[in-house]
């Protein structure tokens, strides 16, 4: 029932649906591509045209969803960045600032030296 509501809301206003639930839109796109490939893989001598036409319909629906996702990529990207960057370091979750801080404060020469010594001077080689 939830899928029917999602499809109905996508048909009514596709841009709002993509902005409100981008994961579902991407999942629908992937599902339509899988269904299209499956319909092309089914071999039937009598109804080959039916399977080709239906697979093209699923592929075109998938491309339409991809077009709507790419059309709204800028707001989706900034929405992802807002969720990814966490301003409270004590909060559990993905903290992009901590990872960037480790990369910025790393000493690349000592890292390379350690990798070189660990790779070439191991006793078990």
N, C-alpha and C. Protein backbone atom coordinates (compact mmCIF):
# COMPACT_ATOMS: atom_id res chain seq x y z
N UNK A 1 0.82 -1.18 0.00
CA UNK A 1 0.00 0.00 0.00
C UNK A 1 0.87 1.26 0.00
N UNK A 2 2.00 1.16 0.68
CA UNK A 2 2.89 2.31 0.75
C UNK A 2 3.50 2.62 -0.62
N UNK A 3 3.76 1.57 -1.39
CA UNK A 3 4.33 1.77 -2.72
C UNK A 3 3.32 2.46 -3.63
N UNK A 4 2.06 2.11 -3.50
CA UNK A 4 1.01 2.76 -4.30
C UNK A 4 0.91 4.24 -3.96
N UNK A 5 1.01 4.58 -2.67
CA UNK A 5 0.99 5.99 -2.26
C UNK A 5 2.21 6.73 -2.80
N UNK A 6 3.38 6.06 -2.77
CA UNK A 6 4.59 6.68 -3.30
C UNK A 6 4.48 6.93 -4.80
N UNK A 7 3.96 5.96 -5.52
CA UNK A 7 3.81 6.13 -6.97
C UNK A 7 2.80 7.22 -7.28
N UNK A 8 1.71 7.27 -6.52
CA UNK A 8 0.70 8.31 -6.74
C UNK A 8 1.27 9.70 -6.43
N UNK A 9 2.05 9.82 -5.36
CA UNK A 9 2.66 11.12 -5.05
C UNK A 9 3.72 11.49 -6.08
N UNK A 10 4.42 10.49 -6.64
CA UNK A 10 5.40 10.78 -7.69
C UNK A 10 4.71 11.26 -8.96
N UNK A 11 3.59 10.66 -9.29
CA UNK A 11 2.87 11.06 -10.50
C UNK A 11 2.29 12.46 -10.34
N UNK A 12 1.80 12.79 -9.14
CA UNK A 12 1.22 14.12 -8.92
C UNK A 12 2.27 15.22 -8.98
N UNK A 13 3.39 15.02 -8.27
CA UNK A 13 4.43 16.04 -8.25
C UNK A 13 5.79 15.35 -8.10
N UNK A 14 6.44 15.05 -9.23
CA UNK A 14 7.68 14.28 -9.16
C UNK A 14 8.83 15.02 -8.47
N UNK A 15 8.92 16.34 -8.66
CA UNK A 15 10.03 17.07 -8.05
C UNK A 15 9.95 17.06 -6.52
N UNK A 16 8.75 17.25 -5.99
CA UNK A 16 8.59 17.22 -4.53
C UNK A 16 8.86 15.83 -3.97
N UNK A 17 8.44 14.79 -4.71
CA UNK A 17 8.70 13.43 -4.23
C UNK A 17 10.20 13.14 -4.19
N UNK A 18 10.92 13.57 -5.20
CA UNK A 18 12.37 13.34 -5.23
C UNK A 18 13.06 14.12 -4.12
N UNK A 19 12.62 15.34 -3.86
CA UNK A 19 13.24 16.13 -2.80
C UNK A 19 12.89 15.61 -1.41
N UNK A 20 11.68 15.08 -1.22
CA UNK A 20 11.29 14.60 0.10
C UNK A 20 11.85 13.23 0.41
N UNK A 21 11.92 12.36 -0.56
CA UNK A 21 12.44 11.02 -0.31
C UNK A 21 13.33 10.58 -1.48
N UNK A 22 14.59 11.06 -1.49
CA UNK A 22 15.48 10.70 -2.59
C UNK A 22 15.88 9.22 -2.59
N UNK A 23 15.91 8.60 -1.41
CA UNK A 23 16.26 7.18 -1.35
C UNK A 23 15.21 6.33 -2.04
N UNK A 24 13.96 6.63 -1.80
CA UNK A 24 12.89 5.86 -2.45
C UNK A 24 12.90 6.07 -3.95
N UNK A 25 13.17 7.30 -4.39
CA UNK A 25 13.22 7.56 -5.82
C UNK A 25 14.35 6.77 -6.46
N UNK A 26 15.51 6.72 -5.81
CA UNK A 26 16.63 5.94 -6.34
C UNK A 26 16.31 4.46 -6.34
N UNK A 27 15.63 3.98 -5.29
CA UNK A 27 15.25 2.56 -5.24
C UNK A 27 14.24 2.21 -6.33
N UNK A 28 13.30 3.10 -6.59
CA UNK A 28 12.35 2.86 -7.67
C UNK A 28 13.07 2.81 -9.02
N UNK A 29 14.03 3.70 -9.21
CA UNK A 29 14.79 3.71 -10.46
C UNK A 29 15.55 2.40 -10.64
N UNK A 30 16.20 1.95 -9.59
CA UNK A 30 16.95 0.69 -9.67
C UNK A 30 16.01 -0.49 -9.89
N UNK A 31 14.87 -0.49 -9.21
CA UNK A 31 13.90 -1.58 -9.38
C UNK A 31 13.37 -1.63 -10.80
N UNK A 32 13.08 -0.47 -11.38
CA UNK A 32 12.59 -0.45 -12.76
C UNK A 32 13.66 -0.95 -13.73
N UNK A 33 14.91 -0.62 -13.48
CA UNK A 33 15.98 -1.13 -14.35
C UNK A 33 16.11 -2.64 -14.23
N UNK A 34 16.01 -3.17 -13.02
CA UNK A 34 16.10 -4.62 -12.83
C UNK A 34 14.92 -5.32 -13.51
N UNK A 35 13.73 -4.77 -13.37
CA UNK A 35 12.56 -5.36 -14.02
C UNK A 35 12.72 -5.32 -15.54
N UNK A 36 13.25 -4.22 -16.07
CA UNK A 36 13.46 -4.12 -17.51
C UNK A 36 14.46 -5.14 -18.02
N UNK A 37 15.55 -5.35 -17.28
CA UNK A 37 16.55 -6.36 -17.68
C UNK A 37 15.95 -7.76 -17.56
N UNK A 38 15.17 -7.99 -16.51
CA UNK A 38 14.55 -9.31 -16.36
C UNK A 38 13.57 -9.60 -17.49
N UNK A 39 12.83 -8.60 -17.90
CA UNK A 39 11.90 -8.82 -19.01
C UNK A 39 12.63 -9.06 -20.32
N UNK A 40 13.79 -8.45 -20.48
CA UNK A 40 14.57 -8.73 -21.70
C UNK A 40 15.19 -10.12 -21.64
N UNK A 41 15.49 -10.60 -20.44
CA UNK A 41 16.12 -11.91 -20.31
C UNK A 41 15.14 -13.05 -20.53
N UNK A 42 13.84 -12.80 -20.32
CA UNK A 42 12.84 -13.85 -20.53
C UNK A 42 12.70 -14.10 -22.02
N UNK A 43 12.92 -15.32 -22.41
CA UNK A 43 12.81 -15.68 -23.83
C UNK A 43 11.48 -16.36 -24.08
N UNK A 44 10.72 -15.79 -24.96
CA UNK A 44 9.45 -16.38 -25.37
C UNK A 44 9.29 -16.14 -26.86
N UNK A 45 9.10 -17.19 -27.58
CA UNK A 45 9.02 -17.05 -29.04
C UNK A 45 7.73 -16.35 -29.49
N UNK A 46 6.65 -16.51 -28.73
CA UNK A 46 5.38 -15.94 -29.15
C UNK A 46 5.26 -14.46 -28.80
N UNK A 47 5.72 -14.08 -27.61
CA UNK A 47 5.46 -12.74 -27.13
C UNK A 47 6.74 -11.92 -26.98
N UNK A 48 7.68 -12.07 -27.88
CA UNK A 48 8.95 -11.34 -27.77
C UNK A 48 8.73 -9.84 -27.89
N UNK A 49 7.81 -9.42 -28.75
CA UNK A 49 7.55 -7.98 -28.90
C UNK A 49 6.95 -7.40 -27.63
N UNK A 50 6.11 -8.15 -26.97
CA UNK A 50 5.49 -7.68 -25.72
C UNK A 50 6.54 -7.46 -24.64
N UNK A 51 7.48 -8.42 -24.53
CA UNK A 51 8.52 -8.28 -23.52
C UNK A 51 9.46 -7.12 -23.84
N UNK A 52 9.76 -6.92 -25.10
CA UNK A 52 10.64 -5.80 -25.48
C UNK A 52 9.95 -4.47 -25.21
N UNK A 53 8.69 -4.36 -25.56
CA UNK A 53 7.96 -3.10 -25.34
C UNK A 53 7.81 -2.82 -23.86
N UNK A 54 7.48 -3.85 -23.07
CA UNK A 54 7.33 -3.62 -21.63
C UNK A 54 8.66 -3.29 -20.98
N UNK A 55 9.75 -3.92 -21.43
CA UNK A 55 11.06 -3.57 -20.86
C UNK A 55 11.45 -2.15 -21.23
N UNK A 56 11.11 -1.71 -22.44
CA UNK A 56 11.38 -0.32 -22.82
C UNK A 56 10.57 0.65 -21.97
N UNK A 57 9.34 0.27 -21.63
CA UNK A 57 8.52 1.13 -20.75
C UNK A 57 9.17 1.26 -19.37
N UNK A 58 9.66 0.15 -18.82
CA UNK A 58 10.32 0.21 -17.52
C UNK A 58 11.62 1.01 -17.58
N UNK A 59 12.39 0.83 -18.67
CA UNK A 59 13.63 1.61 -18.81
C UNK A 59 13.33 3.09 -18.96
N UNK A 60 12.31 3.45 -19.70
CA UNK A 60 11.99 4.86 -19.87
C UNK A 60 11.50 5.47 -18.56
N UNK A 61 10.73 4.71 -17.76
CA UNK A 61 10.32 5.20 -16.45
C UNK A 61 11.53 5.40 -15.54
N UNK A 62 12.47 4.48 -15.62
CA UNK A 62 13.69 4.60 -14.82
C UNK A 62 14.51 5.82 -15.24
N UNK A 63 14.61 6.05 -16.52
CA UNK A 63 15.35 7.23 -17.01
C UNK A 63 14.64 8.53 -16.63
N UNK A 64 13.32 8.51 -16.59
CA UNK A 64 12.57 9.70 -16.16
C UNK A 64 12.85 10.01 -14.69
N UNK A 65 12.87 8.97 -13.86
CA UNK A 65 13.20 9.17 -12.44
C UNK A 65 14.63 9.68 -12.29
N UNK A 66 15.56 9.10 -13.07
CA UNK A 66 16.95 9.58 -13.02
C UNK A 66 17.05 11.04 -13.46
N UNK A 67 16.27 11.42 -14.46
CA UNK A 67 16.26 12.80 -14.93
C UNK A 67 15.77 13.73 -13.81
N UNK A 68 14.72 13.33 -13.10
CA UNK A 68 14.22 14.16 -11.99
C UNK A 68 15.24 14.25 -10.86
N UNK A 69 15.96 13.16 -10.59
CA UNK A 69 16.99 13.18 -9.55
C UNK A 69 18.12 14.11 -9.95
N UNK A 70 18.57 14.01 -11.20
CA UNK A 70 19.67 14.87 -11.65
C UNK A 70 19.24 16.33 -11.78
N UNK A 71 17.97 16.57 -12.06
CA UNK A 71 17.46 17.94 -12.14
C UNK A 71 17.51 18.59 -10.76
N UNK A 72 17.26 17.80 -9.72
CA UNK A 72 17.25 18.31 -8.34
C UNK A 72 18.51 17.92 -7.58
N UNK A 73 19.63 17.76 -8.27
CA UNK A 73 20.83 17.26 -7.61
C UNK A 73 21.42 18.28 -6.64
N UNK A 74 21.31 19.56 -6.94
CA UNK A 74 21.90 20.57 -6.05
C UNK A 74 21.23 20.61 -4.69
N UNK A 75 19.90 20.70 -4.60
CA UNK A 75 19.29 20.66 -3.26
C UNK A 75 19.52 19.33 -2.55
N UNK A 76 19.54 18.22 -3.32
CA UNK A 76 19.79 16.92 -2.70
C UNK A 76 21.20 16.84 -2.14
N UNK A 77 22.17 17.40 -2.87
CA UNK A 77 23.55 17.38 -2.41
C UNK A 77 23.71 18.19 -1.12
N UNK A 78 23.12 19.37 -1.08
CA UNK A 78 23.23 20.18 0.13
C UNK A 78 22.46 19.55 1.30
N UNK A 79 21.39 18.85 1.00
CA UNK A 79 20.67 18.13 2.05
C UNK A 79 21.53 17.02 2.62
N UNK A 80 22.26 16.33 1.75
CA UNK A 80 23.17 15.28 2.21
C UNK A 80 24.30 15.86 3.05
N UNK A 81 24.85 16.99 2.62
CA UNK A 81 25.94 17.62 3.37
C UNK A 81 25.45 18.06 4.74
N UNK A 82 24.24 18.60 4.82
CA UNK A 82 23.70 19.01 6.13
C UNK A 82 23.53 17.83 7.06
N UNK A 83 23.14 16.68 6.52
CA UNK A 83 22.99 15.50 7.37
C UNK A 83 24.34 14.89 7.71
N UNK A 84 25.33 15.02 6.82
CA UNK A 84 26.61 14.37 7.03
C UNK A 84 27.47 15.12 8.05
N UNK A 85 27.45 16.42 8.01
CA UNK A 85 28.28 17.20 8.93
C UNK A 85 27.53 17.35 10.24
N UNK A 86 28.16 16.91 11.28
CA UNK A 86 27.54 16.93 12.59
C UNK A 86 28.26 17.97 13.43
N UNK A 87 27.53 18.92 13.97
CA UNK A 87 28.15 20.00 14.73
C UNK A 87 28.42 19.61 16.18
N UNK A 88 27.92 18.48 16.62
CA UNK A 88 28.13 18.03 18.00
C UNK A 88 29.05 16.81 17.98
N UNK A 89 30.32 16.97 18.33
CA UNK A 89 31.25 15.83 18.23
C UNK A 89 30.92 14.69 19.18
N UNK A 90 30.24 14.97 20.29
CA UNK A 90 29.94 13.90 21.22
C UNK A 90 28.76 13.05 20.75
N UNK A 91 28.04 13.52 19.75
CA UNK A 91 26.91 12.77 19.23
C UNK A 91 27.41 11.59 18.40
N UNK A 92 26.76 10.47 18.56
CA UNK A 92 27.16 9.27 17.83
C UNK A 92 26.67 9.41 16.39
N UNK A 93 27.52 9.06 15.45
CA UNK A 93 27.12 9.12 14.05
C UNK A 93 28.30 9.47 13.17
N UNK A 94 28.01 9.79 11.94
CA UNK A 94 29.04 10.11 10.96
C UNK A 94 29.49 11.54 11.16
N UNK A 95 30.75 11.72 11.44
CA UNK A 95 31.27 13.06 11.71
C UNK A 95 32.34 13.38 10.68
N UNK A 96 31.95 14.14 9.67
CA UNK A 96 32.83 14.43 8.55
C UNK A 96 33.98 15.33 8.96
N UNK A 97 33.74 16.25 9.89
CA UNK A 97 34.80 17.15 10.33
C UNK A 97 35.95 16.42 10.99
N UNK A 98 35.67 15.38 11.75
CA UNK A 98 36.72 14.60 12.40
C UNK A 98 37.59 13.89 11.37
N UNK A 99 36.98 13.35 10.35
CA UNK A 99 37.74 12.66 9.30
C UNK A 99 38.60 13.65 8.54
N UNK A 100 38.04 14.80 8.20
CA UNK A 100 38.82 15.82 7.49
C UNK A 100 39.97 16.33 8.36
N UNK A 101 39.76 16.45 9.66
CA UNK A 101 40.81 16.88 10.56
C UNK A 101 41.95 15.86 10.59
N UNK A 102 41.63 14.56 10.60
CA UNK A 102 42.69 13.55 10.57
C UNK A 102 43.48 13.61 9.27
N UNK A 103 42.80 13.85 8.16
CA UNK A 103 43.49 13.92 6.88
C UNK A 103 44.38 15.16 6.81
N UNK A 104 43.87 16.29 7.31
CA UNK A 104 44.63 17.54 7.24
C UNK A 104 45.84 17.53 8.18
N UNK A 105 45.75 16.88 9.34
CA UNK A 105 46.84 16.87 10.30
C UNK A 105 47.79 15.70 10.11
N UNK A 106 47.57 14.87 9.14
CA UNK A 106 48.44 13.71 8.93
C UNK A 106 49.77 14.16 8.33
N UNK A 107 50.81 13.47 8.73
CA UNK A 107 52.14 13.72 8.17
C UNK A 107 52.35 12.72 7.04
N UNK A 108 52.27 13.16 5.79
CA UNK A 108 52.31 12.20 4.69
C UNK A 108 53.66 11.50 4.55
N UNK A 109 54.77 12.18 4.86
CA UNK A 109 56.07 11.52 4.71
C UNK A 109 56.24 10.39 5.71
N UNK A 110 55.80 10.59 6.95
CA UNK A 110 55.93 9.51 7.92
C UNK A 110 54.98 8.37 7.59
N UNK A 111 53.82 8.68 7.04
CA UNK A 111 52.90 7.62 6.62
C UNK A 111 53.51 6.78 5.49
N UNK A 112 54.09 7.46 4.51
CA UNK A 112 54.70 6.75 3.39
C UNK A 112 55.89 5.93 3.87
N UNK A 113 56.69 6.50 4.77
CA UNK A 113 57.84 5.79 5.32
C UNK A 113 57.38 4.53 6.07
N UNK A 114 56.32 4.66 6.85
CA UNK A 114 55.79 3.51 7.58
C UNK A 114 55.24 2.44 6.65
N UNK A 115 54.55 2.85 5.60
CA UNK A 115 54.03 1.88 4.63
C UNK A 115 55.18 1.19 3.92
N UNK A 116 56.22 1.95 3.55
CA UNK A 116 57.37 1.38 2.86
C UNK A 116 58.08 0.37 3.75
N UNK A 117 58.35 0.75 5.00
CA UNK A 117 59.04 -0.16 5.90
C UNK A 117 58.19 -1.37 6.24
N UNK A 118 56.91 -1.18 6.42
CA UNK A 118 56.04 -2.30 6.74
C UNK A 118 55.88 -3.25 5.58
N UNK A 119 55.92 -2.74 4.35
CA UNK A 119 55.73 -3.59 3.19
C UNK A 119 57.00 -4.32 2.79
N UNK A 120 58.13 -3.59 2.78
CA UNK A 120 59.37 -4.18 2.25
C UNK A 120 60.19 -4.90 3.33
N UNK A 121 60.03 -4.56 4.58
CA UNK A 121 60.87 -5.14 5.61
C UNK A 121 60.11 -6.08 6.53
N UNK A 122 59.05 -6.67 6.06
CA UNK A 122 58.32 -7.63 6.88
C UNK A 122 59.09 -8.95 6.91
N UNK A 123 59.05 -9.62 8.03
CA UNK A 123 59.81 -10.85 8.17
C UNK A 123 59.10 -12.03 7.52
N UNK A 124 57.80 -11.94 7.32
CA UNK A 124 57.07 -13.09 6.77
C UNK A 124 57.01 -13.09 5.25
N UNK A 125 57.66 -12.18 4.59
CA UNK A 125 57.71 -12.20 3.12
C UNK A 125 58.77 -13.14 2.72
